[in-house]
Amino acid sequence: MAVYDAGDASDIPEGTFKIAEIAGRSIGIYNVKGEFNAIHNYCPHQGAKLCKGPVCGTTLASNVYEYIYGREQEIVRCPWHGWEFDLKTGKSLFDEKVRTRCYPVQVSGGRIGIVIGSG
């Protein structure tokens, strides 16, 4: 595994993100409520640039005719077909088998490091 420098943490204030090219990969780095998360900028459905989609929340489990909105700033929605993915885990919200790749993030000395494994 290698840790790649992705810049200053101060360059990504809470609620924002940036897309970086790291080790030949396009990776979205998000500051979600003060915690940094990194996902592959690729939708597994049809290859859209996933990180070009809106960061939002989603509807939560609720009673019939009741709509509860939650998880604000924790979900990215694909700009092509609206598939939603958890920014922390990369899992889709509709099928446990579908996900986008997540990368571990390390913050040290105010710098963001993205961990990319060899396997």
PDB file of N, CA and C in Angstrom:
ATOM      1  N   MET A   1       0.845  -1.184   0.000  1.00  0.00           N
ATOM      2  CA  MET A   1       0.000   0.000   0.000  1.00  0.00           C
ATOM      3  C   MET A   1       0.888   1.244   0.000  1.00  0.00           C
ATOM      4  N   ALA A   2       0.370   2.273  -0.623  1.00  0.00           N
ATOM      5  CA  ALA A   2       1.089   3.542  -0.679  1.00  0.00           C
ATOM      6  C   ALA A   2       0.130   4.665  -0.316  1.00  0.00           C
ATOM      7  N   VAL A   3       0.669   5.694   0.292  1.00  0.00           N
ATOM      8  CA  VAL A   3      -0.120   6.871   0.640  1.00  0.00           C
ATOM      9  C   VAL A   3       0.290   7.992  -0.307  1.00  0.00           C
ATOM     10  N   TYR A   4      -0.696   8.544  -1.006  1.00  0.00           N
ATOM     11  CA  TYR A   4      -0.458   9.606  -1.988  1.00  0.00           C
ATOM     12  C   TYR A   4      -0.967  10.935  -1.443  1.00  0.00           C
ATOM     13  N   ASP A   5      -0.136  11.945  -1.535  1.00  0.00           N
ATOM     14  CA  ASP A   5      -0.515  13.274  -1.072  1.00  0.00           C
ATOM     15  C   ASP A   5      -1.605  13.850  -1.973  1.00  0.00           C
ATOM     16  N   ALA A   6      -2.688  14.326  -1.339  1.00  0.00           N
ATOM     17  CA  ALA A   6      -3.807  14.889  -2.100  1.00  0.00           C
ATOM     18  C   ALA A   6      -4.027  16.362  -1.782  1.00  0.00           C
ATOM     19  N   GLY A   7      -3.102  16.982  -1.074  1.00  0.00           N
ATOM     20  CA  GLY A   7      -3.203  18.416  -0.822  1.00  0.00           C
ATOM     21  C   GLY A   7      -3.535  18.765   0.610  1.00  0.00           C
ATOM     22  N   ASP A   8      -3.748  20.055   0.828  1.00  0.00           N
ATOM     23  CA  ASP A   8      -4.062  20.578   2.157  1.00  0.00           C
ATOM     24  C   ASP A   8      -5.512  20.311   2.527  1.00  0.00           C
ATOM     25  N   ALA A   9      -5.708  19.866   3.750  1.00  0.00           N
ATOM     26  CA  ALA A   9      -7.065  19.640   4.248  1.00  0.00           C
ATOM     27  C   ALA A   9      -7.863  20.946   4.264  1.00  0.00           C
ATOM     28  N   SER A  10      -7.189  22.064   4.471  1.00  0.00           N
ATOM     29  CA  SER A  10      -7.876  23.355   4.518  1.00  0.00           C
ATOM     30  C   SER A  10      -8.453  23.765   3.163  1.00  0.00           C
ATOM     31  N   ASP A  11      -8.007  23.100   2.095  1.00  0.00           N
ATOM     32  CA  ASP A  11      -8.526  23.406   0.761  1.00  0.00           C
ATOM     33  C   ASP A  11      -9.894  22.766   0.504  1.00  0.00           C
ATOM     34  N   ILE A  12     -10.335  21.887   1.431  1.00  0.00           N
ATOM     35  CA  ILE A  12     -11.635  21.228   1.277  1.00  0.00           C
ATOM     36  C   ILE A  12     -12.442  21.481   2.552  1.00  0.00           C
ATOM     37  N   PRO A  13     -13.070  22.650   2.657  1.00  0.00           N
ATOM     38  CA  PRO A  13     -13.872  22.956   3.845  1.00  0.00           C
ATOM     39  C   PRO A  13     -15.046  21.982   3.983  1.00  0.00           C
ATOM     40  N   GLU A  14     -15.585  21.906   5.157  1.00  0.00           N
ATOM     41  CA  GLU A  14     -16.727  21.035   5.418  1.00  0.00           C
ATOM     42  C   GLU A  14     -17.847  21.308   4.414  1.00  0.00           C
ATOM     43  N   GLY A  15     -18.393  20.228   3.866  1.00  0.00           N
ATOM     44  CA  GLY A  15     -19.485  20.336   2.905  1.00  0.00           C
ATOM     45  C   GLY A  15     -19.031  20.517   1.469  1.00  0.00           C
ATOM     46  N   THR A  16     -17.713  20.454   1.224  1.00  0.00           N
ATOM     47  CA  THR A  16     -17.203  20.603  -0.139  1.00  0.00           C
ATOM     48  C   THR A  16     -16.387  19.373  -0.526  1.00  0.00           C
ATOM     49  N   PHE A  17     -15.907  19.370  -1.749  1.00  0.00           N
ATOM     50  CA  PHE A  17     -15.074  18.274  -2.239  1.00  0.00           C
ATOM     51  C   PHE A  17     -14.177  18.776  -3.347  1.00  0.00           C
ATOM     52  N   LYS A  18     -13.224  17.919  -3.708  1.00  0.00           N
ATOM     53  CA  LYS A  18     -12.414  18.190  -4.889  1.00  0.00           C
ATOM     54  C   LYS A  18     -12.155  16.860  -5.580  1.00  0.00           C
ATOM     55  N   ILE A  19     -11.895  16.938  -6.866  1.00  0.00           N
ATOM     56  CA  ILE A  19     -11.542  15.758  -7.641  1.00  0.00           C
ATOM     57  C   ILE A  19     -10.047  15.837  -7.923  1.00  0.00           C
ATOM     58  N   ALA A  20      -9.345  14.764  -7.617  1.00  0.00           N
ATOM     59  CA  ALA A  20      -7.892  14.733  -7.807  1.00  0.00           C
ATOM     60  C   ALA A  20      -7.501  13.519  -8.644  1.00  0.00           C
ATOM     61  N   GLU A  21      -6.462  13.687  -9.423  1.00  0.00           N
ATOM     62  CA  GLU A  21      -5.881  12.569 -10.166  1.00  0.00           C
ATOM     63  C   GLU A  21      -4.756  12.011  -9.307  1.00  0.00           C
ATOM     64  N   ILE A  22      -4.919  10.770  -8.863  1.00  0.00           N
ATOM     65  CA  ILE A  22      -3.953  10.147  -7.965  1.00  0.00           C
ATOM     66  C   ILE A  22      -3.627   8.755  -8.482  1.00  0.00           C
ATOM     67  N   ALA A  23      -2.373   8.521  -8.736  1.00  0.00           N
ATOM     68  CA  ALA A  23      -1.907   7.211  -9.207  1.00  0.00           C
ATOM     69  C   ALA A  23      -2.710   6.734 -10.418  1.00  0.00           C
ATOM     70  N   GLY A  24      -2.995   7.661 -11.328  1.00  0.00           N
ATOM     71  CA  GLY A  24      -3.727   7.315 -12.539  1.00  0.00           C
ATOM     72  C   GLY A  24      -5.212   7.112 -12.359  1.00  0.00           C
ATOM     73  N   ARG A  25      -5.743   7.509 -11.208  1.00  0.00           N
ATOM     74  CA  ARG A  25      -7.168   7.352 -10.917  1.00  0.00           C
ATOM     75  C   ARG A  25      -7.798   8.703 -10.605  1.00  0.00           C
ATOM     76  N   SER A  26      -9.022   8.868 -11.043  1.00  0.00           N
ATOM     77  CA  SER A  26      -9.781  10.066 -10.697  1.00  0.00           C
ATOM     78  C   SER A  26     -10.535   9.763  -9.408  1.00  0.00           C
ATOM     79  N   ILE A  27     -10.240  10.542  -8.363  1.00  0.00           N
ATOM     80  CA  ILE A  27     -10.793  10.282  -7.033  1.00  0.00           C
ATOM     81  C   ILE A  27     -11.433  11.549  -6.492  1.00  0.00           C
ATOM     82  N   GLY A  28     -12.652  11.410  -5.987  1.00  0.00           N
ATOM     83  CA  GLY A  28     -13.336  12.514  -5.319  1.00  0.00           C
ATOM     84  C   GLY A  28     -13.036  12.468  -3.835  1.00  0.00           C
ATOM     85  N   ILE A  29     -12.578  13.591  -3.294  1.00  0.00           N
ATOM     86  CA  ILE A  29     -12.259  13.686  -1.872  1.00  0.00           C
ATOM     87  C   ILE A  29     -13.270  14.646  -1.245  1.00  0.00           C
ATOM     88  N   TYR A  30     -14.053  14.141  -0.305  1.00  0.00           N
ATOM     89  CA  TYR A  30     -15.174  14.876   0.279  1.00  0.00           C
ATOM     90  C   TYR A  30     -14.921  15.143   1.758  1.00  0.00           C
ATOM     91  N   ASN A  31     -15.319  16.336   2.208  1.00  0.00           N
ATOM     92  CA  ASN A  31     -15.316  16.653   3.631  1.00  0.00           C
ATOM     93  C   ASN A  31     -16.765  16.563   4.092  1.00  0.00           C
ATOM     94  N   VAL A  32     -17.108  15.443   4.693  1.00  0.00           N
ATOM     95  CA  VAL A  32     -18.471  15.176   5.150  1.00  0.00           C
ATOM     96  C   VAL A  32     -18.533  15.389   6.655  1.00  0.00           C
ATOM     97  N   LYS A  33     -19.099  16.517   7.042  1.00  0.00           N
ATOM     98  CA  LYS A  33     -19.267  16.842   8.458  1.00  0.00           C
ATOM     99  C   LYS A  33     -17.948  16.740   9.225  1.00  0.00           C
ATOM    100  N   GLY A  34     -16.872  17.230   8.586  1.00  0.00           N
ATOM    101  CA  GLY A  34     -15.564  17.261   9.225  1.00  0.00           C
ATOM    102  C   GLY A  34     -14.731  15.999   9.036  1.00  0.00           C
ATOM    103  N   GLU A  35     -15.263  14.985   8.393  1.00  0.00           N
ATOM    104  CA  GLU A  35     -14.534  13.743   8.134  1.00  0.00           C
ATOM    105  C   GLU A  35     -14.275  13.613   6.638  1.00  0.00           C
ATOM    106  N   PHE A  36     -13.048  13.261   6.277  1.00  0.00           N
ATOM    107  CA  PHE A  36     -12.700  13.138   4.865  1.00  0.00           C
ATOM    108  C   PHE A  36     -12.980  11.721   4.363  1.00  0.00           C
ATOM    109  N   ASN A  37     -13.585  11.657   3.181  1.00  0.00           N
ATOM    110  CA  ASN A  37     -13.884  10.398   2.515  1.00  0.00           C
ATOM    111  C   ASN A  37     -13.435  10.519   1.065  1.00  0.00           C
ATOM    112  N   ALA A  38     -13.019   9.396   0.498  1.00  0.00           N
ATOM    113  CA  ALA A  38     -12.562   9.406  -0.896  1.00  0.00           C
ATOM    114  C   ALA A  38     -13.212   8.247  -1.648  1.00  0.00           C
ATOM    115  N   ILE A  39     -13.760   8.567  -2.838  1.00  0.00           N
ATOM    116  CA  ILE A  39     -14.384   7.545  -3.672  1.00  0.00           C
ATOM    117  C   ILE A  39     -13.874   7.656  -5.101  1.00  0.00           C
ATOM    118  N   HIS A  40     -13.953   6.559  -5.806  1.00  0.00           N
ATOM    119  CA  HIS A  40     -13.579   6.520  -7.216  1.00  0.00           C
ATOM    120  C   HIS A  40     -14.592   7.350  -8.008  1.00  0.00           C
ATOM    121  N   ASN A  41     -14.116   8.176  -8.896  1.00  0.00           N
ATOM    122  CA  ASN A  41     -14.974   9.056  -9.688  1.00  0.00           C
ATOM    123  C   ASN A  41     -15.517   8.295 -10.904  1.00  0.00           C
ATOM    124  N   TYR A  42     -16.221   7.195 -10.619  1.00  0.00           N
ATOM    125  CA  TYR A  42     -16.719   6.328 -11.684  1.00  0.00           C
ATOM    126  C   TYR A  42     -17.968   5.616 -11.191  1.00  0.00           C
ATOM    127  N   CYS A  43     -19.063   5.805 -11.887  1.00  0.00           N
ATOM    128  CA  CYS A  43     -20.304   5.117 -11.524  1.00  0.00           C
ATOM    129  C   CYS A  43     -20.274   3.710 -12.124  1.00  0.00           C
ATOM    130  N   PRO A  44     -20.495   2.680 -11.315  1.00  0.00           N
ATOM    131  CA  PRO A  44     -20.443   1.313 -11.829  1.00  0.00           C
ATOM    132  C   PRO A  44     -21.588   0.970 -12.783  1.00  0.00           C
ATOM    133  N   HIS A  45     -22.588   1.816 -12.864  1.00  0.00           N
ATOM    134  CA  HIS A  45     -23.720   1.540 -13.748  1.00  0.00           C
ATOM    135  C   HIS A  45     -23.320   1.681 -15.218  1.00  0.00           C
ATOM    136  N   GLN A  46     -22.929   2.893 -15.622  1.00  0.00           N
ATOM    137  CA  GLN A  46     -22.550   3.106 -17.019  1.00  0.00           C
ATOM    138  C   GLN A  46     -21.344   4.021 -17.175  1.00  0.00           C
ATOM    139  N   GLY A  47     -20.558   4.160 -16.109  1.00  0.00           N
ATOM    140  CA  GLY A  47     -19.282   4.856 -16.221  1.00  0.00           C
ATOM    141  C   GLY A  47     -19.309   6.367 -16.134  1.00  0.00           C
ATOM    142  N   ALA A  48     -20.382   6.939 -15.659  1.00  0.00           N
ATOM    143  CA  ALA A  48     -20.432   8.404 -15.524  1.00  0.00           C
ATOM    144  C   ALA A  48     -19.395   8.870 -14.507  1.00  0.00           C
ATOM    145  N   LYS A  49     -19.013  10.132 -14.624  1.00  0.00           N
ATOM    146  CA  LYS A  49     -18.143  10.738 -13.613  1.00  0.00           C
ATOM    147  C   LYS A  49     -19.008  10.997 -12.385  1.00  0.00           C
ATOM    148  N   LEU A  50     -18.991  10.051 -11.480  1.00  0.00           N
ATOM    149  CA  LEU A  50     -19.878  10.051 -10.321  1.00  0.00           C
ATOM    150  C   LEU A  50     -19.761  11.327  -9.493  1.00  0.00           C
ATOM    151  N   CYS A  51     -18.558  11.823  -9.336  1.00  0.00           N
ATOM    152  CA  CYS A  51     -18.335  12.991  -8.479  1.00  0.00           C
ATOM    153  C   CYS A  51     -18.845  14.293  -9.083  1.00  0.00           C
ATOM    154  N   LYS A  52     -19.343  14.254 -10.298  1.00  0.00           N
ATOM    155  CA  LYS A  52     -19.986  15.425 -10.908  1.00  0.00           C
ATOM    156  C   LYS A  52     -21.443  15.538 -10.461  1.00  0.00           C
ATOM    157  N   GLY A  53     -21.939  14.507  -9.781  1.00  0.00           N
ATOM    158  CA  GLY A  53     -23.320  14.506  -9.303  1.00  0.00           C
ATOM    159  C   GLY A  53     -23.459  15.279  -8.000  1.00  0.00           C
ATOM    160  N   PRO A  54     -24.692  15.580  -7.626  1.00  0.00           N
ATOM    161  CA  PRO A  54     -24.915  16.346  -6.402  1.00  0.00           C
ATOM    162  C   PRO A  54     -24.648  15.536  -5.139  1.00  0.00           C
ATOM    163  N   VAL A  55     -24.155  16.225  -4.127  1.00  0.00           N
ATOM    164  CA  VAL A  55     -24.016  15.656  -2.795  1.00  0.00           C
ATOM    165  C   VAL A  55     -25.300  16.027  -2.065  1.00  0.00           C
ATOM    166  N   CYS A  56     -25.940  15.041  -1.483  1.00  0.00           N
ATOM    167  CA  CYS A  56     -27.264  15.286  -0.914  1.00  0.00           C
ATOM    168  C   CYS A  56     -27.531  14.315   0.228  1.00  0.00           C
ATOM    169  N   GLY A  57     -28.773  14.209   0.585  1.00  0.00           N
ATOM    170  CA  GLY A  57     -29.245  13.205   1.526  1.00  0.00           C
ATOM    171  C   GLY A  57     -30.181  12.290   0.761  1.00  0.00           C
ATOM    172  N   THR A  58     -31.013  11.581   1.490  1.00  0.00           N
ATOM    173  CA  THR A  58     -31.954  10.665   0.841  1.00  0.00           C
ATOM    174  C   THR A  58     -33.156  10.445   1.741  1.00  0.00           C
ATOM    175  N   THR A  59     -34.176   9.806   1.207  1.00  0.00           N
ATOM    176  CA  THR A  59     -35.328   9.468   2.037  1.00  0.00           C
ATOM    177  C   THR A  59     -34.970   8.273   2.907  1.00  0.00           C
ATOM    178  N   LEU A  60     -35.455   8.289   4.130  1.00  0.00           N
ATOM    179  CA  LEU A  60     -35.193   7.228   5.092  1.00  0.00           C
ATOM    180  C   LEU A  60     -36.415   6.330   5.217  1.00  0.00           C
ATOM    181  N   ALA A  61     -36.202   5.152   5.770  1.00  0.00           N
ATOM    182  CA  ALA A  61     -37.323   4.244   5.997  1.00  0.00           C
ATOM    183  C   ALA A  61     -38.381   4.962   6.838  1.00  0.00           C
ATOM    184  N   SER A  62     -39.618   4.844   6.416  1.00  0.00           N
ATOM    185  CA  SER A  62     -40.704   5.543   7.113  1.00  0.00           C
ATOM    186  C   SER A  62     -42.022   4.827   6.851  1.00  0.00           C
ATOM    187  N   ASN A  63     -43.065   5.326   7.453  1.00  0.00           N
ATOM    188  CA  ASN A  63     -44.393   4.753   7.273  1.00  0.00           C
ATOM    189  C   ASN A  63     -44.952   5.100   5.894  1.00  0.00           C
ATOM    190  N   VAL A  64     -46.001   4.409   5.514  1.00  0.00           N
ATOM    191  CA  VAL A  64     -46.676   4.674   4.244  1.00  0.00           C
ATOM    192  C   VAL A  64     -47.132   6.130   4.220  1.00  0.00           C
ATOM    193  N   TYR A  65     -46.918   6.805   3.108  1.00  0.00           N
ATOM    194  CA  TYR A  65     -47.270   8.210   2.877  1.00  0.00           C
ATOM    195  C   TYR A  65     -46.485   9.182   3.747  1.00  0.00           C
ATOM    196  N   GLU A  66     -45.454   8.709   4.387  1.00  0.00           N
ATOM    197  CA  GLU A  66     -44.608   9.560   5.208  1.00  0.00           C
ATOM    198  C   GLU A  66     -43.214   9.556   4.584  1.00  0.00           C
ATOM    199  N   TYR A  67     -42.661  10.713   4.339  1.00  0.00           N
ATOM    200  CA  TYR A  67     -41.348  10.807   3.737  1.00  0.00           C
ATOM    201  C   TYR A  67     -40.420  11.551   4.681  1.00  0.00           C
ATOM    202  N   ILE A  68     -39.403  10.850   5.144  1.00  0.00           N
ATOM    203  CA  ILE A  68     -38.444  11.444   6.057  1.00  0.00           C
ATOM    204  C   ILE A  68     -37.113  11.580   5.321  1.00  0.00           C
ATOM    205  N   TYR A  69     -36.613  12.801   5.256  1.00  0.00           N
ATOM    206  CA  TYR A  69     -35.357  13.083   4.570  1.00  0.00           C
ATOM    207  C   TYR A  69     -34.234  13.121   5.601  1.00  0.00           C
ATOM    208  N   GLY A  70     -33.106  12.507   5.282  1.00  0.00           N
ATOM    209  CA  GLY A  70     -31.987  12.509   6.223  1.00  0.00           C
ATOM    210  C   GLY A  70     -30.675  12.225   5.521  1.00  0.00           C
ATOM    211  N   ARG A  71     -29.624  12.042   6.322  1.00  0.00           N
ATOM    212  CA  ARG A  71     -28.276  11.745   5.828  1.00  0.00           C
ATOM    213  C   ARG A  71     -27.727  12.853   4.929  1.00  0.00           C
ATOM    214  N   GLU A  72     -28.099  14.078   5.231  1.00  0.00           N
ATOM    215  CA  GLU A  72     -27.654  15.236   4.447  1.00  0.00           C
ATOM    216  C   GLU A  72     -26.132  15.245   4.320  1.00  0.00           C
ATOM    217  N   GLN A  73     -25.628  15.489   3.120  1.00  0.00           N
ATOM    218  CA  GLN A  73     -24.207  15.573   2.759  1.00  0.00           C
ATOM    219  C   GLN A  73     -23.478  14.232   2.845  1.00  0.00           C
ATOM    220  N   GLU A  74     -24.201  13.114   2.955  1.00  0.00           N
ATOM    221  CA  GLU A  74     -23.565  11.800   3.070  1.00  0.00           C
ATOM    222  C   GLU A  74     -23.713  10.954   1.810  1.00  0.00           C
ATOM    223  N   ILE A  75     -24.459  11.459   0.832  1.00  0.00           N
ATOM    224  CA  ILE A  75     -24.793  10.682  -0.356  1.00  0.00           C
ATOM    225  C   ILE A  75     -24.362  11.460  -1.600  1.00  0.00           C
ATOM    226  N   VAL A  76     -23.828  10.742  -2.580  1.00  0.00           N
ATOM    227  CA  VAL A  76     -23.582  11.352  -3.884  1.00  0.00           C
ATOM    228  C   VAL A  76     -24.522  10.658  -4.874  1.00  0.00           C
ATOM    229  N   ARG A  77     -25.134  11.456  -5.729  1.00  0.00           N
ATOM    230  CA  ARG A  77     -26.097  10.945  -6.718  1.00  0.00           C
ATOM    231  C   ARG A  77     -25.490  11.056  -8.104  1.00  0.00           C
ATOM    232  N   CYS A  78     -25.456   9.945  -8.822  1.00  0.00           N
ATOM    233  CA  CYS A  78     -24.880   9.937 -10.163  1.00  0.00           C
ATOM    234  C   CYS A  78     -25.607  10.956 -11.056  1.00  0.00           C
ATOM    235  N   PRO A  79     -24.845  11.755 -11.795  1.00  0.00           N
ATOM    236  CA  PRO A  79     -25.482  12.784 -12.623  1.00  0.00           C
ATOM    237  C   PRO A  79     -26.218  12.217 -13.842  1.00  0.00           C
ATOM    238  N   TRP A  80     -25.976  10.988 -14.213  1.00  0.00           N
ATOM    239  CA  TRP A  80     -26.637  10.431 -15.394  1.00  0.00           C
ATOM    240  C   TRP A  80     -27.988   9.794 -15.074  1.00  0.00           C
ATOM    241  N   HIS A  81     -28.030   8.897 -14.103  1.00  0.00           N
ATOM    242  CA  HIS A  81     -29.259   8.138 -13.865  1.00  0.00           C
ATOM    243  C   HIS A  81     -29.736   8.173 -12.415  1.00  0.00           C
ATOM    244  N   GLY A  82     -29.088   8.962 -11.579  1.00  0.00           N
ATOM    245  CA  GLY A  82     -29.572   9.175 -10.223  1.00  0.00           C
ATOM    246  C   GLY A  82     -29.254   8.077  -9.223  1.00  0.00           C
ATOM    247  N   TRP A  83     -28.391   7.146  -9.571  1.00  0.00           N
ATOM    248  CA  TRP A  83     -28.030   6.121  -8.598  1.00  0.00           C
ATOM    249  C   TRP A  83     -27.324   6.794  -7.425  1.00  0.00           C
ATOM    250  N   GLU A  84     -27.660   6.385  -6.204  1.00  0.00           N
ATOM    251  CA  GLU A  84     -27.126   7.018  -5.003  1.00  0.00           C
ATOM    252  C   GLU A  84     -26.107   6.113  -4.310  1.00  0.00           C
ATOM    253  N   PHE A  85     -25.016   6.742  -3.835  1.00  0.00           N
ATOM    254  CA  PHE A  85     -23.944   6.004  -3.174  1.00  0.00           C
ATOM    255  C   PHE A  85     -23.557   6.695  -1.874  1.00  0.00           C
ATOM    256  N   ASP A  86     -23.293   5.892  -0.850  1.00  0.00           N
ATOM    257  CA  ASP A  86     -22.844   6.372   0.449  1.00  0.00           C
ATOM    258  C   ASP A  86     -21.388   6.823   0.315  1.00  0.00           C
ATOM    259  N   LEU A  87     -21.095   8.042   0.704  1.00  0.00           N
ATOM    260  CA  LEU A  87     -19.735   8.572   0.569  1.00  0.00           C
ATOM    261  C   LEU A  87     -18.743   7.907   1.521  1.00  0.00           C
ATOM    262  N   LYS A  88     -19.210   7.318   2.608  1.00  0.00           N
ATOM    263  CA  LYS A  88     -18.306   6.670   3.555  1.00  0.00           C
ATOM    264  C   LYS A  88     -17.948   5.252   3.137  1.00  0.00           C
ATOM    265  N   THR A  89     -18.904   4.547   2.557  1.00  0.00           N
ATOM    266  CA  THR A  89     -18.702   3.123   2.270  1.00  0.00           C
ATOM    267  C   THR A  89     -18.632   2.802   0.779  1.00  0.00           C
ATOM    268  N   GLY A  90     -19.146   3.696  -0.056  1.00  0.00           N
ATOM    269  CA  GLY A  90     -19.211   3.435  -1.491  1.00  0.00           C
ATOM    270  C   GLY A  90     -20.384   2.555  -1.892  1.00  0.00           C
ATOM    271  N   LYS A  91     -21.138   2.068  -0.922  1.00  0.00           N
ATOM    272  CA  LYS A  91     -22.265   1.185  -1.219  1.00  0.00           C
ATOM    273  C   LYS A  91     -23.414   1.960  -1.839  1.00  0.00           C
ATOM    274  N   SER A  92     -24.077   1.319  -2.797  1.00  0.00           N
ATOM    275  CA  SER A  92     -25.277   1.930  -3.357  1.00  0.00           C
ATOM    276  C   SER A  92     -26.393   1.816  -2.322  1.00  0.00           C
ATOM    277  N   LEU A  93     -27.376   2.667  -2.447  1.00  0.00           N
ATOM    278  CA  LEU A  93     -28.491   2.639  -1.496  1.00  0.00           C
ATOM    279  C   LEU A  93     -29.588   1.673  -1.918  1.00  0.00           C
ATOM    280  N   PHE A  94     -29.455   1.094  -3.093  1.00  0.00           N
ATOM    281  CA  PHE A  94     -30.532   0.248  -3.593  1.00  0.00           C
ATOM    282  C   PHE A  94     -30.152  -1.225  -3.704  1.00  0.00           C
ATOM    283  N   ASP A  95     -28.870  -1.564  -3.653  1.00  0.00           N
ATOM    284  CA  ASP A  95     -28.444  -2.950  -3.827  1.00  0.00           C
ATOM    285  C   ASP A  95     -27.098  -3.145  -3.140  1.00  0.00           C
ATOM    286  N   GLU A  96     -27.028  -4.039  -2.172  1.00  0.00           N
ATOM    287  CA  GLU A  96     -25.791  -4.245  -1.419  1.00  0.00           C
ATOM    288  C   GLU A  96     -24.633  -4.734  -2.274  1.00  0.00           C
ATOM    289  N   LYS A  97     -24.920  -5.312  -3.429  1.00  0.00           N
ATOM    290  CA  LYS A  97     -23.870  -5.842  -4.294  1.00  0.00           C
ATOM    291  C   LYS A  97     -23.227  -4.772  -5.173  1.00  0.00           C
ATOM    292  N   VAL A  98     -23.881  -3.624  -5.308  1.00  0.00           N
ATOM    293  CA  VAL A  98     -23.372  -2.553  -6.172  1.00  0.00           C
ATOM    294  C   VAL A  98     -22.682  -1.515  -5.303  1.00  0.00           C
ATOM    295  N   ARG A  99     -21.489  -1.129  -5.715  1.00  0.00           N
ATOM    296  CA  ARG A  99     -20.738  -0.119  -4.968  1.00  0.00           C
ATOM    297  C   ARG A  99     -19.722   0.546  -5.882  1.00  0.00           C
ATOM    298  N   THR A 100     -19.232   1.673  -5.433  1.00  0.00           N
ATOM    299  CA  THR A 100     -18.086   2.292  -6.075  1.00  0.00           C
ATOM    300  C   THR A 100     -16.930   2.161  -5.091  1.00  0.00           C
ATOM    301  N   ARG A 101     -15.738   2.195  -5.599  1.00  0.00           N
ATOM    302  CA  ARG A 101     -14.577   1.982  -4.742  1.00  0.00           C
ATOM    303  C   ARG A 101     -14.341   3.167  -3.809  1.00  0.00           C
ATOM    304  N   CYS A 102     -14.033   2.844  -2.555  1.00  0.00           N
ATOM    305  CA  CYS A 102     -13.645   3.847  -1.558  1.00  0.00           C
ATOM    306  C   CYS A 102     -12.157   3.692  -1.274  1.00  0.00           C
ATOM    307  N   TYR A 103     -11.544   4.778  -0.884  1.00  0.00           N
ATOM    308  CA  TYR A 103     -10.133   4.754  -0.529  1.00  0.00           C
ATOM    309  C   TYR A 103      -9.974   5.287   0.894  1.00  0.00           C
ATOM    310  N   PRO A 104      -9.144   4.622   1.706  1.00  0.00           N
ATOM    311  CA  PRO A 104      -8.870   5.156   3.043  1.00  0.00           C
ATOM    312  C   PRO A 104      -8.187   6.518   2.942  1.00  0.00           C
ATOM    313  N   VAL A 105      -8.517   7.389   3.884  1.00  0.00           N
ATOM    314  CA  VAL A 105      -7.948   8.743   3.914  1.00  0.00           C
ATOM    315  C   VAL A 105      -7.210   8.929   5.232  1.00  0.00           C
ATOM    316  N   GLN A 106      -6.031   9.483   5.151  1.00  0.00           N
ATOM    317  CA  GLN A 106      -5.256   9.832   6.341  1.00  0.00           C
ATOM    318  C   GLN A 106      -4.996  11.332   6.313  1.00  0.00           C
ATOM    319  N   VAL A 107      -5.182  11.980   7.456  1.00  0.00           N
ATOM    320  CA  VAL A 107      -4.865  13.399   7.558  1.00  0.00           C
ATOM    321  C   VAL A 107      -3.753  13.536   8.591  1.00  0.00           C
ATOM    322  N   SER A 108      -2.650  14.115   8.170  1.00  0.00           N
ATOM    323  CA  SER A 108      -1.502  14.285   9.056  1.00  0.00           C
ATOM    324  C   SER A 108      -0.826  15.609   8.739  1.00  0.00           C
ATOM    325  N   GLY A 109      -0.601  16.397   9.771  1.00  0.00           N
ATOM    326  CA  GLY A 109       0.058  17.686   9.571  1.00  0.00           C
ATOM    327  C   GLY A 109      -0.707  18.599   8.625  1.00  0.00           C
ATOM    328  N   GLY A 110      -2.033  18.458   8.599  1.00  0.00           N
ATOM    329  CA  GLY A 110      -2.858  19.296   7.732  1.00  0.00           C
ATOM    330  C   GLY A 110      -2.884  18.861   6.276  1.00  0.00           C
ATOM    331  N   ARG A 111      -2.241  17.729   5.960  1.00  0.00           N
ATOM    332  CA  ARG A 111      -2.207  17.207   4.591  1.00  0.00           C
ATOM    333  C   ARG A 111      -3.108  15.978   4.497  1.00  0.00           C
ATOM    334  N   ILE A 112      -3.749  15.833   3.356  1.00  0.00           N
ATOM    335  CA  ILE A 112      -4.603  14.673   3.097  1.00  0.00           C
ATOM    336  C   ILE A 112      -3.807  13.637   2.344  1.00  0.00           C
ATOM    337  N   GLY A 113      -3.864  12.412   2.820  1.00  0.00           N
ATOM    338  CA  GLY A 113      -3.210  11.296   2.140  1.00  0.00           C
ATOM    339  C   GLY A 113      -4.258  10.272   1.739  1.00  0.00           C
ATOM    340  N   ILE A 114      -4.195   9.795   0.506  1.00  0.00           N
ATOM    341  CA  ILE A 114      -5.098   8.765   0.019  1.00  0.00           C
ATOM    342  C   ILE A 114      -4.308   7.459  -0.043  1.00  0.00           C
ATOM    343  N   VAL A 115      -4.858   6.420   0.588  1.00  0.00           N
ATOM    344  CA  VAL A 115      -4.185   5.129   0.640  1.00  0.00           C
ATOM    345  C   VAL A 115      -4.672   4.270  -0.510  1.00  0.00           C
ATOM    346  N   ILE A 116      -3.742   3.830  -1.329  1.00  0.00           N
ATOM    347  CA  ILE A 116      -4.072   2.958  -2.444  1.00  0.00           C
ATOM    348  C   ILE A 116      -3.247   1.692  -2.306  1.00  0.00           C
ATOM    349  N   GLY A 117      -3.946   0.560  -2.243  1.00  0.00           N
ATOM    350  CA  GLY A 117      -3.281  -0.724  -2.070  1.00  0.00           C
ATOM    351  C   GLY A 117      -2.818  -1.305  -3.390  1.00  0.00           C
ATOM    352  N   SER A 118      -1.974  -2.286  -3.284  1.00  0.00           N
ATOM    353  CA  SER A 118      -1.447  -2.949  -4.480  1.00  0.00           C
ATOM    354  C   SER A 118      -2.402  -4.007  -5.003  1.00  0.00           C
ATOM    355  N   GLY A 119      -3.381  -4.400  -4.212  1.00  0.00           N
ATOM    356  CA  GLY A 119      -4.298  -5.449  -4.634  1.00  0.00           C
ATOM    357  C   GLY A 119      -5.617  -4.885  -4.837  1.00  0.00           C
TER     358      GLY A 119
END
